[in-house]
N, C-alpha and C. Protein backbone atom coordinates (compact mmCIF):
# COMPACT_ATOMS: atom_id res chain seq x y z
N UNK A 1 -42.41 -15.93 -79.68
CA UNK A 1 -41.47 -16.70 -78.90
C UNK A 1 -41.50 -16.18 -77.46
N UNK A 2 -41.70 -17.02 -76.49
CA UNK A 2 -41.80 -16.62 -75.09
C UNK A 2 -40.44 -16.20 -74.53
N UNK A 3 -40.51 -15.40 -73.46
CA UNK A 3 -39.30 -14.92 -72.79
C UNK A 3 -38.63 -16.11 -72.10
N UNK A 4 -37.34 -16.23 -72.26
CA UNK A 4 -36.63 -17.37 -71.70
C UNK A 4 -36.19 -17.14 -70.27
N UNK A 5 -37.14 -16.93 -69.35
CA UNK A 5 -36.82 -16.70 -67.95
C UNK A 5 -36.50 -18.01 -67.27
N UNK A 6 -37.09 -19.01 -67.70
CA UNK A 6 -36.83 -20.32 -67.13
C UNK A 6 -38.12 -20.95 -66.66
N UNK A 7 -38.27 -22.17 -66.97
CA UNK A 7 -39.42 -22.93 -66.51
C UNK A 7 -40.73 -22.34 -66.97
N UNK A 8 -41.73 -22.43 -66.11
CA UNK A 8 -43.06 -21.95 -66.43
C UNK A 8 -43.36 -20.59 -65.79
N UNK A 9 -42.34 -19.80 -65.45
CA UNK A 9 -42.52 -18.53 -64.77
C UNK A 9 -42.59 -17.33 -65.72
N UNK A 10 -42.51 -17.56 -67.02
CA UNK A 10 -42.50 -16.44 -67.95
C UNK A 10 -43.81 -15.64 -67.91
N UNK A 11 -44.92 -16.23 -67.48
CA UNK A 11 -46.19 -15.50 -67.41
C UNK A 11 -46.23 -14.55 -66.21
N UNK A 12 -45.27 -14.62 -65.28
CA UNK A 12 -45.24 -13.74 -64.11
C UNK A 12 -44.42 -12.47 -64.33
N UNK A 13 -43.61 -12.43 -65.36
CA UNK A 13 -42.71 -11.30 -65.59
C UNK A 13 -43.50 -10.00 -65.81
N UNK A 14 -44.51 -10.01 -66.64
CA UNK A 14 -45.30 -8.81 -66.93
C UNK A 14 -45.99 -8.25 -65.69
N UNK A 15 -46.75 -9.07 -64.95
CA UNK A 15 -47.39 -8.55 -63.74
C UNK A 15 -46.40 -8.07 -62.67
N UNK A 16 -45.26 -8.72 -62.54
CA UNK A 16 -44.27 -8.27 -61.55
C UNK A 16 -43.71 -6.91 -61.94
N UNK A 17 -43.42 -6.70 -63.20
CA UNK A 17 -42.92 -5.41 -63.66
C UNK A 17 -44.00 -4.34 -63.47
N UNK A 18 -45.25 -4.64 -63.79
CA UNK A 18 -46.34 -3.68 -63.62
C UNK A 18 -46.51 -3.32 -62.14
N UNK A 19 -46.46 -4.33 -61.27
CA UNK A 19 -46.59 -4.07 -59.84
C UNK A 19 -45.44 -3.21 -59.33
N UNK A 20 -44.23 -3.47 -59.77
CA UNK A 20 -43.06 -2.69 -59.35
C UNK A 20 -43.19 -1.23 -59.80
N UNK A 21 -43.64 -1.01 -61.02
CA UNK A 21 -43.82 0.34 -61.53
C UNK A 21 -44.90 1.07 -60.73
N UNK A 22 -46.01 0.40 -60.44
CA UNK A 22 -47.07 1.02 -59.64
C UNK A 22 -46.59 1.34 -58.22
N UNK A 23 -45.81 0.45 -57.63
CA UNK A 23 -45.29 0.70 -56.29
C UNK A 23 -44.36 1.91 -56.29
N UNK A 24 -43.49 2.01 -57.27
CA UNK A 24 -42.60 3.16 -57.37
C UNK A 24 -43.38 4.44 -57.61
N UNK A 25 -44.40 4.37 -58.42
CA UNK A 25 -45.24 5.53 -58.68
C UNK A 25 -45.98 5.97 -57.41
N UNK A 26 -46.48 5.01 -56.64
CA UNK A 26 -47.16 5.33 -55.38
C UNK A 26 -46.20 5.97 -54.38
N UNK A 27 -44.99 5.47 -54.29
CA UNK A 27 -44.00 6.07 -53.38
C UNK A 27 -43.64 7.49 -53.80
N UNK A 28 -43.47 7.69 -55.09
CA UNK A 28 -43.18 9.03 -55.57
C UNK A 28 -44.33 10.00 -55.28
N UNK A 29 -45.56 9.58 -55.53
CA UNK A 29 -46.72 10.44 -55.26
C UNK A 29 -46.83 10.76 -53.77
N UNK A 30 -46.56 9.78 -52.93
CA UNK A 30 -46.61 10.04 -51.48
C UNK A 30 -45.54 11.05 -51.09
N UNK A 31 -44.37 10.94 -51.69
CA UNK A 31 -43.30 11.89 -51.38
C UNK A 31 -43.65 13.29 -51.90
N UNK A 32 -44.15 13.35 -53.12
CA UNK A 32 -44.40 14.65 -53.75
C UNK A 32 -45.61 15.37 -53.15
N UNK A 33 -46.66 14.64 -52.82
CA UNK A 33 -47.90 15.27 -52.38
C UNK A 33 -48.27 14.93 -50.94
N UNK A 34 -47.33 14.38 -50.19
CA UNK A 34 -47.61 14.00 -48.80
C UNK A 34 -47.73 15.20 -47.89
N UNK A 35 -48.05 14.92 -46.64
CA UNK A 35 -48.25 15.98 -45.65
C UNK A 35 -46.94 16.60 -45.21
N UNK A 36 -45.84 15.97 -45.50
CA UNK A 36 -44.55 16.55 -45.15
C UNK A 36 -44.17 16.31 -43.72
N UNK A 37 -44.29 15.08 -43.27
CA UNK A 37 -43.92 14.75 -41.91
C UNK A 37 -42.47 15.18 -41.68
N UNK A 38 -42.27 15.92 -40.64
CA UNK A 38 -40.94 16.41 -40.32
C UNK A 38 -40.67 17.80 -40.86
N UNK A 39 -41.51 18.29 -41.74
CA UNK A 39 -41.34 19.65 -42.25
C UNK A 39 -41.92 20.63 -41.24
N UNK A 40 -41.44 21.83 -41.32
CA UNK A 40 -42.00 22.88 -40.46
C UNK A 40 -43.42 23.20 -40.91
N UNK A 41 -44.28 23.45 -39.96
CA UNK A 41 -45.64 23.83 -40.32
C UNK A 41 -45.65 25.29 -40.76
N UNK A 42 -46.59 25.61 -41.60
CA UNK A 42 -46.70 26.97 -42.08
C UNK A 42 -47.13 27.89 -40.95
N UNK A 43 -46.58 29.07 -40.94
CA UNK A 43 -46.93 30.04 -39.91
C UNK A 43 -48.37 30.49 -40.13
N UNK A 44 -49.10 30.71 -39.05
CA UNK A 44 -50.47 31.19 -39.23
C UNK A 44 -50.47 32.57 -39.86
N UNK A 45 -51.47 32.86 -40.68
CA UNK A 45 -51.48 34.15 -41.35
C UNK A 45 -51.59 35.29 -40.34
N UNK A 46 -50.77 36.30 -40.55
CA UNK A 46 -50.81 37.47 -39.67
C UNK A 46 -52.00 38.33 -40.05
N UNK A 47 -52.40 39.15 -39.12
CA UNK A 47 -53.48 40.09 -39.40
C UNK A 47 -52.84 41.33 -40.02
N UNK A 48 -52.33 41.15 -41.23
CA UNK A 48 -51.58 42.20 -41.90
C UNK A 48 -52.48 42.90 -42.90
N UNK A 49 -52.58 44.21 -42.76
CA UNK A 49 -53.41 44.98 -43.67
C UNK A 49 -52.63 45.50 -44.86
N UNK A 50 -51.35 45.22 -44.91
CA UNK A 50 -50.55 45.69 -46.03
C UNK A 50 -50.45 47.20 -46.02
N UNK A 51 -50.82 47.83 -47.11
CA UNK A 51 -50.73 49.28 -47.23
C UNK A 51 -51.96 49.99 -46.66
N UNK A 52 -52.96 49.25 -46.22
CA UNK A 52 -54.21 49.85 -45.79
C UNK A 52 -54.23 50.13 -44.29
N UNK A 53 -55.08 51.07 -43.88
CA UNK A 53 -55.24 51.45 -42.49
C UNK A 53 -56.69 51.24 -42.07
N UNK A 54 -56.89 50.65 -40.92
CA UNK A 54 -58.23 50.42 -40.40
C UNK A 54 -58.80 51.74 -39.89
N UNK A 55 -59.99 52.10 -40.36
CA UNK A 55 -60.62 53.35 -39.91
C UNK A 55 -61.90 53.11 -39.14
N UNK A 56 -62.55 51.97 -39.34
CA UNK A 56 -63.79 51.71 -38.62
C UNK A 56 -64.06 50.21 -38.56
N UNK A 57 -64.66 49.78 -37.46
CA UNK A 57 -65.12 48.41 -37.31
C UNK A 57 -66.60 48.47 -36.99
N UNK A 58 -67.40 47.83 -37.82
CA UNK A 58 -68.85 47.86 -37.67
C UNK A 58 -69.37 46.45 -37.43
N UNK A 59 -70.58 46.36 -36.90
CA UNK A 59 -71.14 45.06 -36.56
C UNK A 59 -71.86 44.39 -37.73
N UNK A 60 -72.17 45.14 -38.78
CA UNK A 60 -72.87 44.57 -39.92
C UNK A 60 -72.16 44.92 -41.21
N UNK A 61 -72.14 43.98 -42.12
CA UNK A 61 -71.49 44.19 -43.41
C UNK A 61 -72.21 45.29 -44.20
N UNK A 62 -73.53 45.33 -44.09
CA UNK A 62 -74.30 46.33 -44.82
C UNK A 62 -73.94 47.74 -44.35
N UNK A 63 -73.72 47.92 -43.04
CA UNK A 63 -73.30 49.23 -42.52
C UNK A 63 -71.93 49.61 -43.05
N UNK A 64 -71.04 48.62 -43.12
CA UNK A 64 -69.70 48.88 -43.64
C UNK A 64 -69.76 49.27 -45.12
N UNK A 65 -70.64 48.63 -45.88
CA UNK A 65 -70.78 48.99 -47.29
C UNK A 65 -71.37 50.39 -47.44
N UNK A 66 -72.28 50.75 -46.54
CA UNK A 66 -72.84 52.11 -46.58
C UNK A 66 -71.76 53.14 -46.26
N UNK A 67 -70.91 52.86 -45.26
CA UNK A 67 -69.80 53.77 -44.95
C UNK A 67 -68.84 53.84 -46.12
N UNK A 68 -68.62 52.73 -46.76
CA UNK A 68 -67.74 52.71 -47.94
C UNK A 68 -68.30 53.60 -49.04
N UNK A 69 -69.62 53.60 -49.21
CA UNK A 69 -70.25 54.47 -50.22
C UNK A 69 -70.07 55.94 -49.85
N UNK A 70 -70.18 56.26 -48.55
CA UNK A 70 -69.96 57.65 -48.10
C UNK A 70 -68.52 58.06 -48.38
N UNK A 71 -67.60 57.17 -48.08
CA UNK A 71 -66.18 57.47 -48.33
C UNK A 71 -65.92 57.63 -49.83
N UNK A 72 -66.55 56.81 -50.63
CA UNK A 72 -66.39 56.90 -52.08
C UNK A 72 -66.92 58.23 -52.60
N UNK A 73 -68.04 58.68 -52.05
CA UNK A 73 -68.58 59.99 -52.46
C UNK A 73 -67.63 61.13 -52.10
N UNK A 74 -66.83 60.93 -51.06
CA UNK A 74 -65.86 61.94 -50.65
C UNK A 74 -64.54 61.79 -51.40
N UNK A 75 -64.46 60.82 -52.31
CA UNK A 75 -63.25 60.63 -53.10
C UNK A 75 -62.18 59.79 -52.40
N UNK A 76 -62.60 59.01 -51.42
CA UNK A 76 -61.65 58.18 -50.66
C UNK A 76 -61.84 56.72 -51.08
N UNK A 77 -60.75 56.11 -51.54
CA UNK A 77 -60.81 54.70 -51.91
C UNK A 77 -60.80 53.86 -50.64
N UNK A 78 -61.65 52.85 -50.58
CA UNK A 78 -61.74 52.01 -49.39
C UNK A 78 -62.13 50.60 -49.76
N UNK A 79 -62.01 49.71 -48.78
CA UNK A 79 -62.43 48.32 -48.95
C UNK A 79 -63.01 47.83 -47.65
N UNK A 80 -63.77 46.74 -47.73
CA UNK A 80 -64.40 46.15 -46.56
C UNK A 80 -63.84 44.74 -46.38
N UNK A 81 -63.50 44.42 -45.14
CA UNK A 81 -63.02 43.08 -44.80
C UNK A 81 -63.92 42.55 -43.69
N UNK A 82 -64.36 41.31 -43.82
CA UNK A 82 -65.21 40.68 -42.80
C UNK A 82 -64.45 39.51 -42.17
N UNK A 83 -63.63 39.77 -41.14
CA UNK A 83 -62.79 38.72 -40.57
C UNK A 83 -63.53 37.74 -39.67
N UNK A 84 -64.71 38.11 -39.19
CA UNK A 84 -65.46 37.24 -38.30
C UNK A 84 -66.95 37.55 -38.45
N UNK A 85 -67.80 36.65 -38.00
CA UNK A 85 -69.23 36.95 -38.05
C UNK A 85 -69.54 38.19 -37.20
N UNK A 86 -70.47 38.98 -37.66
CA UNK A 86 -70.88 40.21 -36.97
C UNK A 86 -69.74 41.19 -36.79
N UNK A 87 -68.82 41.22 -37.74
CA UNK A 87 -67.72 42.18 -37.70
C UNK A 87 -67.30 42.51 -39.12
N UNK A 88 -67.23 43.80 -39.40
CA UNK A 88 -66.80 44.26 -40.72
C UNK A 88 -65.86 45.44 -40.52
N UNK A 89 -64.69 45.35 -41.10
CA UNK A 89 -63.69 46.40 -41.01
C UNK A 89 -63.67 47.20 -42.31
N UNK A 90 -63.51 48.51 -42.17
CA UNK A 90 -63.37 49.40 -43.33
C UNK A 90 -61.93 49.88 -43.33
N UNK A 91 -61.25 49.68 -44.46
CA UNK A 91 -59.84 50.02 -44.59
C UNK A 91 -59.64 51.04 -45.70
N UNK A 92 -58.70 51.96 -45.48
CA UNK A 92 -58.38 52.98 -46.48
C UNK A 92 -56.86 53.11 -46.57
N UNK A 93 -56.39 53.87 -47.55
CA UNK A 93 -54.96 54.14 -47.65
C UNK A 93 -54.56 55.16 -46.59
N UNK A 94 -53.32 55.10 -46.10
CA UNK A 94 -52.90 55.97 -44.99
C UNK A 94 -53.07 57.46 -45.26
N UNK A 95 -52.88 57.90 -46.48
CA UNK A 95 -52.99 59.33 -46.77
C UNK A 95 -54.44 59.83 -46.64
N UNK A 96 -55.40 58.93 -46.69
CA UNK A 96 -56.81 59.31 -46.55
C UNK A 96 -57.39 58.96 -45.18
N UNK A 97 -56.58 58.43 -44.29
CA UNK A 97 -57.08 57.90 -43.02
C UNK A 97 -57.71 58.98 -42.14
N UNK A 98 -57.11 60.16 -42.05
CA UNK A 98 -57.64 61.21 -41.17
C UNK A 98 -59.02 61.67 -41.65
N UNK A 99 -59.16 61.92 -42.96
CA UNK A 99 -60.47 62.33 -43.48
C UNK A 99 -61.49 61.22 -43.33
N UNK A 100 -61.07 59.97 -43.55
CA UNK A 100 -61.98 58.84 -43.44
C UNK A 100 -62.46 58.65 -42.01
N UNK A 101 -61.56 58.83 -41.04
CA UNK A 101 -61.96 58.72 -39.63
C UNK A 101 -62.96 59.81 -39.25
N UNK A 102 -62.76 61.02 -39.76
CA UNK A 102 -63.70 62.09 -39.43
C UNK A 102 -65.07 61.82 -40.04
N UNK A 103 -65.11 61.26 -41.23
CA UNK A 103 -66.38 60.88 -41.83
C UNK A 103 -67.02 59.70 -41.09
N UNK A 104 -66.20 58.74 -40.67
CA UNK A 104 -66.73 57.58 -39.95
C UNK A 104 -67.26 57.97 -38.59
N UNK A 105 -66.69 59.01 -37.98
CA UNK A 105 -67.14 59.43 -36.64
C UNK A 105 -68.56 59.99 -36.68
N UNK A 106 -68.94 60.62 -37.76
CA UNK A 106 -70.30 61.18 -37.86
C UNK A 106 -71.24 60.26 -38.65
N UNK A 107 -70.74 59.09 -39.06
CA UNK A 107 -71.57 58.15 -39.82
C UNK A 107 -72.63 57.56 -38.91
N UNK A 108 -73.91 57.61 -39.30
CA UNK A 108 -74.98 57.13 -38.43
C UNK A 108 -75.03 55.61 -38.27
N UNK A 109 -74.44 54.85 -39.20
CA UNK A 109 -74.50 53.39 -39.12
C UNK A 109 -73.56 52.80 -38.11
N UNK A 110 -72.62 53.57 -37.59
CA UNK A 110 -71.61 53.06 -36.66
C UNK A 110 -72.11 53.10 -35.28
């Protein structure tokens, strides 16, 4: 038995409901995943090293890895960060910074 909407328009009820649901879904998705017009933009990331201290900046990543191996042999935990091309930073914990700097000063790759 057909829906008693009136006249010959009963075949339009289904598509109209489907279109309305899709339109509401599109509006919700735009709101949920949109760019956020009017929202504050995210602050640019700071150059924050956290708990680590910069002990050396080298021009090649391979040199930084070699210095890291020297520091590791001395029992100093370290990491390498490459923030830009042709730049590699070696970072250590603050309690090891003085020893790491003395080793980095005599390191031949620097």
